[in-house]
C-alpha atoms as a PDB file:
ATOM      1  CA  MET A   1       0.000   0.000   0.000  1.00  0.00           C
ATOM      2  CA  ILE A   2       1.361   3.391  -1.014  1.00  0.00           C
ATOM      3  CA  LYS A   3       1.379   6.126   1.631  1.00  0.00           C
ATOM      4  CA  GLU A   4      -0.300   9.454   0.872  1.00  0.00           C
ATOM      5  CA  LEU A   5       0.688  13.033   1.657  1.00  0.00           C
ATOM      6  CA  SER A   6      -1.355  16.160   1.056  1.00  0.00           C
ATOM      7  CA  PRO A   7       0.415  19.150  -0.474  1.00  0.00           C
ATOM      8  CA  ARG A   8       0.338  20.875   2.933  1.00  0.00           C
ATOM      9  CA  GLN A   9       1.813  17.828   4.694  1.00  0.00           C
ATOM     10  CA  PHE A  10       4.559  17.660   2.076  1.00  0.00           C
ATOM     11  CA  LEU A  11       5.478  21.321   2.570  1.00  0.00           C
ATOM     12  CA  GLU A  12       5.384  20.994   6.367  1.00  0.00           C
ATOM     13  CA  ARG A  13       7.681  17.961   6.314  1.00  0.00           C
ATOM     14  CA  ARG A  14      10.069  19.672   3.927  1.00  0.00           C
ATOM     15  CA  ALA A  15      10.080  22.839   6.064  1.00  0.00           C
ATOM     16  CA  GLY A  16      10.877  20.626   9.044  1.00  0.00           C
ATOM     17  CA  GLY A  17      14.065  19.473   7.366  1.00  0.00           C
ATOM     18  CA  SER A  18      12.948  16.307   5.610  1.00  0.00           C
ATOM     19  CA  GLU A  19      14.893  15.889   2.376  1.00  0.00           C
ATOM     20  CA  MET A  20      12.162  14.578   0.128  1.00  0.00           C
ATOM     21  CA  THR A  21      12.338  14.342  -3.636  1.00  0.00           C
ATOM     22  CA  LEU A  22       9.221  15.744  -5.303  1.00  0.00           C
ATOM     23  CA  LEU A  23       8.904  13.789  -8.546  1.00  0.00           C
ATOM     24  CA  ASP A  24       6.552  15.385 -11.073  1.00  0.00           C
ATOM     25  CA  VAL A  25       5.411  12.769 -13.606  1.00  0.00           C
ATOM     26  CA  ARG A  26       3.238  15.074 -15.734  1.00  0.00           C
ATOM     27  CA  GLU A  27       3.969  15.804 -19.374  1.00  0.00           C
ATOM     28  CA  ASP A  28       6.089  18.816 -20.359  1.00  0.00           C
ATOM     29  CA  TRP A  29       3.067  20.837 -21.500  1.00  0.00           C
ATOM     30  CA  GLU A  30       1.399  20.259 -18.111  1.00  0.00           C
ATOM     31  CA  THR A  31       4.377  21.450 -16.083  1.00  0.00           C
ATOM     32  CA  ALA A  32       4.634  24.525 -18.327  1.00  0.00           C
ATOM     33  CA  LEU A  33       0.939  25.297 -17.840  1.00  0.00           C
ATOM     34  CA  ALA A  34       0.804  24.645 -14.094  1.00  0.00           C
ATOM     35  CA  PRO A  35       4.280  24.523 -12.533  1.00  0.00           C
ATOM     36  CA  VAL A  36       4.846  23.427  -8.961  1.00  0.00           C
ATOM     37  CA  PRO A  37       6.555  26.334  -7.158  1.00  0.00           C
ATOM     38  CA  SER A  38       8.958  24.046  -5.368  1.00  0.00           C
ATOM     39  CA  ASP A  39      12.219  22.266  -6.040  1.00  0.00           C
ATOM     40  CA  ILE A  40      11.177  19.284  -8.180  1.00  0.00           C
ATOM     41  CA  LEU A  41      12.504  16.548 -10.387  1.00  0.00           C
ATOM     42  CA  HIS A  42      10.466  16.297 -13.581  1.00  0.00           C
ATOM     43  CA  ILE A  43      10.361  12.926 -15.360  1.00  0.00           C
ATOM     44  CA  PRO A  44       7.218  12.258 -17.416  1.00  0.00           C
ATOM     45  CA  MET A  45       5.468   9.021 -16.490  1.00  0.00           C
ATOM     46  CA  GLY A  46       6.375   7.321 -19.762  1.00  0.00           C
ATOM     47  CA  GLN A  47      10.093   7.871 -19.106  1.00  0.00           C
ATOM     48  CA  ILE A  48      10.280   6.637 -15.496  1.00  0.00           C
ATOM     49  CA  ALA A  49      11.549   3.117 -16.245  1.00  0.00           C
ATOM     50  CA  ALA A  50      14.264   4.388 -18.606  1.00  0.00           C
ATOM     51  CA  ARG A  51      15.385   7.119 -16.198  1.00  0.00           C
ATOM     52  CA  LEU A  52      15.146   5.186 -12.928  1.00  0.00           C
ATOM     53  CA  ALA A  53      18.854   5.734 -12.232  1.00  0.00           C
ATOM     54  CA  GLU A  54      18.145   9.474 -11.737  1.00  0.00           C
ATOM     55  CA  LEU A  55      16.238   8.647  -8.547  1.00  0.00           C
ATOM     56  CA  ASN A  56      17.679   7.672  -5.186  1.00  0.00           C
ATOM     57  CA  PRO A  57      15.824   4.599  -3.856  1.00  0.00           C
ATOM     58  CA  LEU A  58      16.959   5.394  -0.299  1.00  0.00           C
ATOM     59  CA  LYS A  59      15.547   8.933  -0.290  1.00  0.00           C
ATOM     60  CA  GLU A  60      11.911   9.697   0.475  1.00  0.00           C
ATOM     61  CA  THR A  61      10.130  10.275  -2.836  1.00  0.00           C
ATOM     62  CA  VAL A  62       6.789  12.039  -3.245  1.00  0.00           C
ATOM     63  CA  VAL A  63       5.172  11.612  -6.658  1.00  0.00           C
ATOM     64  CA  ILE A  64       2.830  14.264  -8.115  1.00  0.00           C
ATOM     65  CA  CYS A  65       0.698  14.446 -11.250  1.00  0.00           C
ATOM     66  CA  ARG A  66      -2.479  16.339 -12.158  1.00  0.00           C
ATOM     67  CA  SER A  67      -4.948  14.643  -9.820  1.00  0.00           C
ATOM     68  CA  GLY A  68      -3.208  11.671  -8.205  1.00  0.00           C
ATOM     69  CA  GLY A  69      -3.882   8.763 -10.559  1.00  0.00           C
ATOM     70  CA  ARG A  70      -0.661   8.661 -12.570  1.00  0.00           C
ATOM     71  CA  SER A  71       1.409   9.496  -9.518  1.00  0.00           C
ATOM     72  CA  LEU A  72      -0.109   6.537  -7.665  1.00  0.00           C
ATOM     73  CA  GLN A  73       0.831   4.238 -10.553  1.00  0.00           C
ATOM     74  CA  VAL A  74       4.407   5.554 -10.575  1.00  0.00           C
ATOM     75  CA  ALA A  75       4.669   5.344  -6.776  1.00  0.00           C
ATOM     76  CA  THR A  76       3.507   1.717  -6.941  1.00  0.00           C
ATOM     77  CA  PHE A  77       6.098   1.002  -9.641  1.00  0.00           C
ATOM     78  CA  LEU A  78       8.872   2.628  -7.600  1.00  0.00           C
ATOM     79  CA  ALA A  79       7.928   0.634  -4.506  1.00  0.00           C
ATOM     80  CA  ALA A  80       8.091  -2.564  -6.584  1.00  0.00           C
ATOM     81  CA  GLN A  81      11.585  -1.513  -7.708  1.00  0.00           C
ATOM     82  CA  GLY A  82      12.778  -1.414  -4.101  1.00  0.00           C
ATOM     83  CA  PHE A  83      12.294   2.258  -3.235  1.00  0.00           C
ATOM     84  CA  SER A  84      12.070   2.263   0.543  1.00  0.00           C
ATOM     85  CA  SER A  85       9.825   5.287   1.128  1.00  0.00           C
ATOM     86  CA  VAL A  86       7.425   6.415  -1.592  1.00  0.00           C
ATOM     87  CA  TYR A  87       4.375   8.654  -1.238  1.00  0.00           C
ATOM     88  CA  ASN A  88       1.584   9.720  -3.554  1.00  0.00           C
ATOM     89  CA  LEU A  89       0.712  13.423  -3.369  1.00  0.00           C
ATOM     90  CA  THR A  90      -3.025  13.266  -2.756  1.00  0.00           C
ATOM     91  CA  GLY A  91      -5.008  15.248  -5.300  1.00  0.00           C
ATOM     92  CA  GLY A  92      -1.956  16.238  -7.350  1.00  0.00           C
ATOM     93  CA  ILE A  93      -1.444  19.727  -8.726  1.00  0.00           C
ATOM     94  CA  LEU A  94      -5.208  20.327  -8.529  1.00  0.00           C
ATOM     95  CA  ALA A  95      -5.042  19.974  -4.728  1.00  0.00           C
ATOM     96  CA  TRP A  96      -1.873  22.098  -4.645  1.00  0.00           C
ATOM     97  CA  SER A  97      -3.708  24.844  -6.541  1.00  0.00           C
ATOM     98  CA  ARG A  98      -6.815  24.558  -4.362  1.00  0.00           C
ATOM     99  CA  ASP A  99      -5.083  24.284  -0.975  1.00  0.00           C
ATOM    100  CA  ILE A 100      -1.710  26.018  -1.341  1.00  0.00           C
ATOM    101  CA  ASP A 101      -1.447  28.359  -4.335  1.00  0.00           C
ATOM    102  CA  PRO A 102      -4.614  29.429  -6.188  1.00  0.00           C
ATOM    103  CA  HIS A 103      -2.439  31.172  -8.793  1.00  0.00           C
ATOM    104  CA  ILE A 104      -1.594  27.760 -10.261  1.00  0.00           C
ATOM    105  CA  PRO A 105      -4.094  27.144 -13.069  1.00  0.00           C
ATOM    106  CA  GLN A 106      -6.440  24.183 -12.847  1.00  0.00           C
ATOM    107  CA  TYR A 107      -6.674  22.262 -16.091  1.00  0.00           C
END
């Protein structure tokens, strides 16, 4: 079972010193339209398997997409690959826009 974090929980943990990777698995056009105003690693979902070496399996990884579906699939894949601590960002960028930064467009 993949753990979940809300955008607010993610930001609180990061502010508390947790070194978490925020992995954005949306397509390039999506990140251009609605960027996450935070330090992220962007790898579109379709490229995850080929670019797995760019991720640290020992570091906490939080996966984000538009609404939480693709990120849950990627988080499940990462956990199956031996990543020790993977989270799905509940609600994706839509929740981030709604709960954290309303300037981020909803699409």
